[in-house]
Amino acid sequence: MHDARHQYDEDRLRDLFARGLDAPADDGFTDAVMSRIQRRLRTRKTVLTIATVTGGLLALGPAYDLSLAFSNAIAQATAGWGETDWLPQYRVLAMAALTAILAPVVTAILDD
């Protein structure tokens, strides 16, 4: 039943478009709407990028403090283990990598 109805609709649409009707004149309306949509998208992406960069810069202080606390916790947790003395030394690098990974994710979430 569904296939027959679907085929009927397809046939009607094919007949409608086969007539070769002239496109209605829009006096530039379509171009104006499309340029406005493009402008809004460009503005939105710019604002989201600026907000993400600003938020990331503002989060550097607390992130550095967290990395210090985290590296101290790692140093205490791994004390006495062989070959783990280097872990706390890379706290800034680890936080920078985490920020670089999370920034596009946050931007994508905000964009939706």
Protein backbone atom coordinates (compact mmCIF):
# COMPACT_ATOMS: atom_id res chain seq x y z
CA MET A 1 0.00 0.00 0.00
CA HIS A 2 2.78 2.38 0.92
CA ASP A 3 4.74 1.62 -2.26
CA ALA A 4 1.71 2.27 -4.46
CA ARG A 5 1.08 5.63 -2.77
CA HIS A 6 4.74 6.55 -3.02
CA GLN A 7 4.83 5.67 -6.73
CA TYR A 8 1.67 7.73 -7.32
CA ASP A 9 3.29 10.75 -5.64
CA GLU A 10 6.47 10.26 -7.65
CA ASP A 11 4.50 10.11 -10.91
CA ARG A 12 2.59 13.28 -10.05
CA LEU A 13 5.80 15.13 -9.17
CA ARG A 14 7.47 13.93 -12.38
CA ASP A 15 4.46 15.16 -14.39
CA LEU A 16 4.52 18.52 -12.61
CA PHE A 17 8.19 19.13 -13.30
CA ALA A 18 7.96 17.79 -16.86
CA ARG A 19 5.65 20.67 -17.84
CA GLY A 20 8.59 23.05 -18.05
CA LEU A 21 7.00 25.86 -16.06
CA ASP A 22 8.87 29.12 -15.87
CA ALA A 23 10.47 29.94 -12.55
CA PRO A 24 8.66 32.74 -10.73
CA ALA A 25 10.51 36.05 -10.66
CA ASP A 26 11.85 36.85 -7.24
CA ASP A 27 13.54 40.18 -7.96
CA GLY A 28 16.72 39.16 -6.15
CA PHE A 29 14.90 37.87 -3.06
CA THR A 30 16.62 34.47 -3.16
CA ASP A 31 20.07 36.03 -3.47
CA ALA A 32 19.34 38.42 -0.58
CA VAL A 33 18.15 35.59 1.66
CA MET A 34 21.12 33.39 0.79
CA SER A 35 23.64 36.17 1.45
CA ARG A 36 21.96 36.92 4.77
CA ILE A 37 22.15 33.25 5.77
CA GLN A 38 25.83 33.12 4.78
CA ARG A 39 26.52 36.28 6.79
CA ARG A 40 24.82 34.82 9.87
CA LEU A 41 26.77 31.58 9.56
CA ARG A 42 30.04 33.46 9.18
CA THR A 43 29.21 35.65 12.19
CA ARG A 44 28.25 32.63 14.28
CA LYS A 45 31.46 30.76 13.45
CA THR A 46 33.55 33.86 14.19
CA VAL A 47 31.86 34.45 17.55
CA LEU A 48 32.21 30.79 18.54
CA THR A 49 35.88 30.78 17.60
CA ILE A 50 36.55 33.96 19.57
CA ALA A 51 34.59 32.62 22.56
CA THR A 52 36.49 29.32 22.51
CA VAL A 53 39.88 31.02 22.29
CA THR A 54 38.95 33.52 25.03
CA GLY A 55 37.61 30.76 27.27
CA GLY A 56 40.74 28.73 26.70
CA LEU A 57 42.95 31.68 27.61
CA LEU A 58 40.92 32.40 30.74
CA ALA A 59 41.11 28.75 31.73
CA LEU A 60 44.91 28.65 31.52
CA GLY A 61 45.42 29.86 35.10
CA PRO A 62 43.11 27.32 36.75
CA ALA A 63 44.30 24.63 34.33
CA TYR A 64 47.90 25.27 35.32
CA ASP A 65 46.95 25.05 39.02
CA LEU A 66 45.14 21.78 38.33
CA SER A 67 48.14 20.46 36.44
CA LEU A 68 50.39 21.26 39.40
CA ALA A 69 48.05 19.45 41.78
CA PHE A 70 47.71 16.56 39.35
CA SER A 71 51.46 16.25 38.87
CA ASN A 72 51.98 16.28 42.65
CA ALA A 73 49.38 13.54 42.97
CA ILE A 74 51.10 11.54 40.24
CA ALA A 75 54.47 12.02 41.94
CA GLN A 76 53.06 10.76 45.25
CA ALA A 77 51.16 7.88 43.67
CA THR A 78 54.13 6.67 41.65
CA ALA A 79 56.80 7.26 44.28
CA GLY A 80 59.10 4.29 44.41
CA TRP A 81 58.06 2.93 41.03
CA GLY A 82 60.88 2.59 38.59
CA GLU A 83 60.97 4.72 35.43
CA THR A 84 58.12 7.09 36.45
CA ASP A 85 60.06 10.07 37.73
CA TRP A 86 59.57 11.90 34.43
CA LEU A 87 55.73 11.99 34.65
CA PRO A 88 55.33 15.13 36.83
CA GLN A 89 57.78 17.08 34.67
CA TYR A 90 55.45 17.11 31.68
CA ARG A 91 52.39 18.62 33.40
CA VAL A 92 52.31 21.77 31.25
CA LEU A 93 52.70 19.76 28.07
CA ALA A 94 49.91 17.41 29.16
CA MET A 95 47.54 20.31 29.92
CA ALA A 96 48.36 21.98 26.60
CA ALA A 97 47.66 18.75 24.75
CA LEU A 98 44.40 18.26 26.63
CA THR A 99 43.34 21.83 25.84
CA ALA A 100 44.25 21.40 22.17
CA ILE A 101 42.20 18.22 22.01
CA LEU A 102 39.17 19.61 23.84
CA ALA A 103 38.95 23.02 22.10
CA PRO A 104 37.55 21.69 18.80
CA VAL A 105 35.19 19.39 20.70
CA VAL A 106 33.82 22.30 22.74
CA THR A 107 33.43 24.40 19.60
CA ALA A 108 31.57 21.60 17.84
CA ILE A 109 29.24 21.16 20.81
CA LEU A 110 28.53 24.89 20.95
CA ASP A 111 27.98 25.03 17.19
CA ASP A 112 25.17 22.47 17.39
